[in-house]
Amino acid sequence: MTPVVQDFLTTFDRLTDSERLDLASEIFKRTAYLDFPPLTDEELVLSAEEIFLQLDEEESAYES
């Protein structure tokens, strides 16, 4: 991740919920028609693993 992107994300984290929704909406509009390359099987597996680990973490926190 480049420093510019990291700064952008840090700024995003400081926004109010309403501002985050506005920004996310604008980003979705601007990226909807970009030609993204297809994800590899490895990328899909890593993404799924990340999601399942996060869900496990949330479930553990809920049960505590």
C-alpha atoms as a PDB file:
ATOM      1  CA  MET A   1       0.000   0.000   0.000  1.00  0.00           C
ATOM      2  CA  THR A   2       1.413   3.364  -0.943  1.00  0.00           C
ATOM      3  CA  PRO A   3       1.800   6.177   1.605  1.00  0.00           C
ATOM      4  CA  VAL A   4      -0.834   8.218  -0.254  1.00  0.00           C
ATOM      5  CA  VAL A   5      -3.380   5.408   0.081  1.00  0.00           C
ATOM      6  CA  GLN A   6      -2.476   4.891   3.737  1.00  0.00           C
ATOM      7  CA  ASP A   7      -2.963   8.623   4.413  1.00  0.00           C
ATOM      8  CA  PHE A   8      -6.291   8.491   2.604  1.00  0.00           C
ATOM      9  CA  LEU A   9      -7.461   5.570   4.752  1.00  0.00           C
ATOM     10  CA  THR A  10      -6.303   7.292   7.936  1.00  0.00           C
ATOM     11  CA  THR A  11      -8.314  10.360   6.959  1.00  0.00           C
ATOM     12  CA  PHE A  12     -11.287   8.147   6.085  1.00  0.00           C
ATOM     13  CA  ASP A  13     -11.167   6.633   9.581  1.00  0.00           C
ATOM     14  CA  ARG A  14     -11.495  10.119  11.094  1.00  0.00           C
ATOM     15  CA  LEU A  15     -14.681  10.945   9.184  1.00  0.00           C
ATOM     16  CA  THR A  16     -18.147  10.781  10.677  1.00  0.00           C
ATOM     17  CA  ASP A  17     -20.371   7.881   9.651  1.00  0.00           C
ATOM     18  CA  SER A  18     -22.333  10.176   7.360  1.00  0.00           C
ATOM     19  CA  GLU A  19     -19.169  11.426   5.666  1.00  0.00           C
ATOM     20  CA  ARG A  20     -17.901   7.855   5.246  1.00  0.00           C
ATOM     21  CA  LEU A  21     -21.146   6.858   3.545  1.00  0.00           C
ATOM     22  CA  ASP A  22     -20.947   9.869   1.221  1.00  0.00           C
ATOM     23  CA  LEU A  23     -17.353   9.101   0.324  1.00  0.00           C
ATOM     24  CA  ALA A  24     -17.976   5.385  -0.170  1.00  0.00           C
ATOM     25  CA  SER A  25     -20.900   6.171  -2.447  1.00  0.00           C
ATOM     26  CA  GLU A  26     -18.743   8.457  -4.587  1.00  0.00           C
ATOM     27  CA  ILE A  27     -15.935   5.894  -4.781  1.00  0.00           C
ATOM     28  CA  PHE A  28     -18.382   3.177  -5.856  1.00  0.00           C
ATOM     29  CA  LYS A  29     -19.781   5.440  -8.556  1.00  0.00           C
ATOM     30  CA  ARG A  30     -16.308   6.251  -9.874  1.00  0.00           C
ATOM     31  CA  THR A  31     -15.029   2.672  -9.839  1.00  0.00           C
ATOM     32  CA  ALA A  32     -18.122   0.793 -11.012  1.00  0.00           C
ATOM     33  CA  TYR A  33     -16.962   0.674 -14.608  1.00  0.00           C
ATOM     34  CA  LEU A  34     -13.246   0.063 -14.115  1.00  0.00           C
ATOM     35  CA  ASP A  35     -11.965  -3.051 -15.821  1.00  0.00           C
ATOM     36  CA  PHE A  36     -10.595  -5.071 -12.917  1.00  0.00           C
ATOM     37  CA  PRO A  37      -8.622  -8.210 -13.728  1.00  0.00           C
ATOM     38  CA  PRO A  38     -10.249 -11.441 -12.575  1.00  0.00           C
ATOM     39  CA  LEU A  39      -9.236 -12.649  -9.130  1.00  0.00           C
ATOM     40  CA  THR A  40      -6.971 -15.658  -8.941  1.00  0.00           C
ATOM     41  CA  ASP A  41      -7.978 -18.730  -6.976  1.00  0.00           C
ATOM     42  CA  GLU A  42      -5.325 -17.832  -4.398  1.00  0.00           C
ATOM     43  CA  GLU A  43      -6.750 -14.321  -3.957  1.00  0.00           C
ATOM     44  CA  LEU A  44     -10.243 -15.741  -3.512  1.00  0.00           C
ATOM     45  CA  VAL A  45      -9.044 -18.254  -0.923  1.00  0.00           C
ATOM     46  CA  LEU A  46      -7.141 -15.583   1.013  1.00  0.00           C
ATOM     47  CA  SER A  47     -10.174 -13.294   0.986  1.00  0.00           C
ATOM     48  CA  ALA A  48     -12.458 -16.073   2.186  1.00  0.00           C
ATOM     49  CA  GLU A  49     -10.002 -17.000   4.911  1.00  0.00           C
ATOM     50  CA  GLU A  50      -9.827 -13.395   6.096  1.00  0.00           C
ATOM     51  CA  ILE A  51     -13.620 -13.173   6.229  1.00  0.00           C
ATOM     52  CA  PHE A  52     -13.981 -16.442   8.149  1.00  0.00           C
ATOM     53  CA  LEU A  53     -11.269 -15.437  10.642  1.00  0.00           C
ATOM     54  CA  GLN A  54     -13.020 -12.123  11.236  1.00  0.00           C
ATOM     55  CA  LEU A  55     -16.355 -13.885  11.724  1.00  0.00           C
ATOM     56  CA  ASP A  56     -14.766 -16.334  14.179  1.00  0.00           C
ATOM     57  CA  GLU A  57     -13.278 -13.401  16.089  1.00  0.00           C
ATOM     58  CA  GLU A  58     -16.633 -11.615  16.246  1.00  0.00           C
ATOM     59  CA  GLU A  59     -18.372 -14.813  17.334  1.00  0.00           C
ATOM     60  CA  SER A  60     -15.809 -15.382  20.095  1.00  0.00           C
ATOM     61  CA  ALA A  61     -16.232 -11.810  21.308  1.00  0.00           C
ATOM     62  CA  TYR A  62     -20.014 -12.219  21.299  1.00  0.00           C
ATOM     63  CA  GLU A  63     -19.834 -15.447  23.331  1.00  0.00           C
ATOM     64  CA  SER A  64     -17.537 -13.935  25.971  1.00  0.00           C
END
